[in-house]
Amino acid sequence: MAGLIDELGSRVLVLDGGMGTGVQSFDLSVEGDFAGCENCTDVLTRTRPDVIGSIHRGFFEAGADAVETNTFGAVR
C-alpha cells in the first residue's frame, strides 16, 4: 500500500476502462455465458474467466497501471 501512496504523490495513475464495452466485443450467449442473466457481466467472472482476463490484459497492454475487479453489480 505504501508503494501505491508514493506513486500517487509522484504521478498520475491510469486505471482501466469500461468492462461492459469490453464484454460487448465478444460473441457471448445469454443462456450459456451469462447463465440466463442478460447483461450481468459479473456472472462472467465465474462462467468465462478467460473473457474477463482477456479484457483486463487489454487494459494493461493499453497502458493501465491498475484494473478494478469485475464486480460492479455483485452482492455476494
Foldseek 3Di string as FASTA:
>chain_A
DVVVVVDVVPDDAAEFDDPLVLVVVDDDDCCQQVVVDPPLQLSNVVRPVVSVVVRVVVRVVVPGPYYDDSCPPPDD
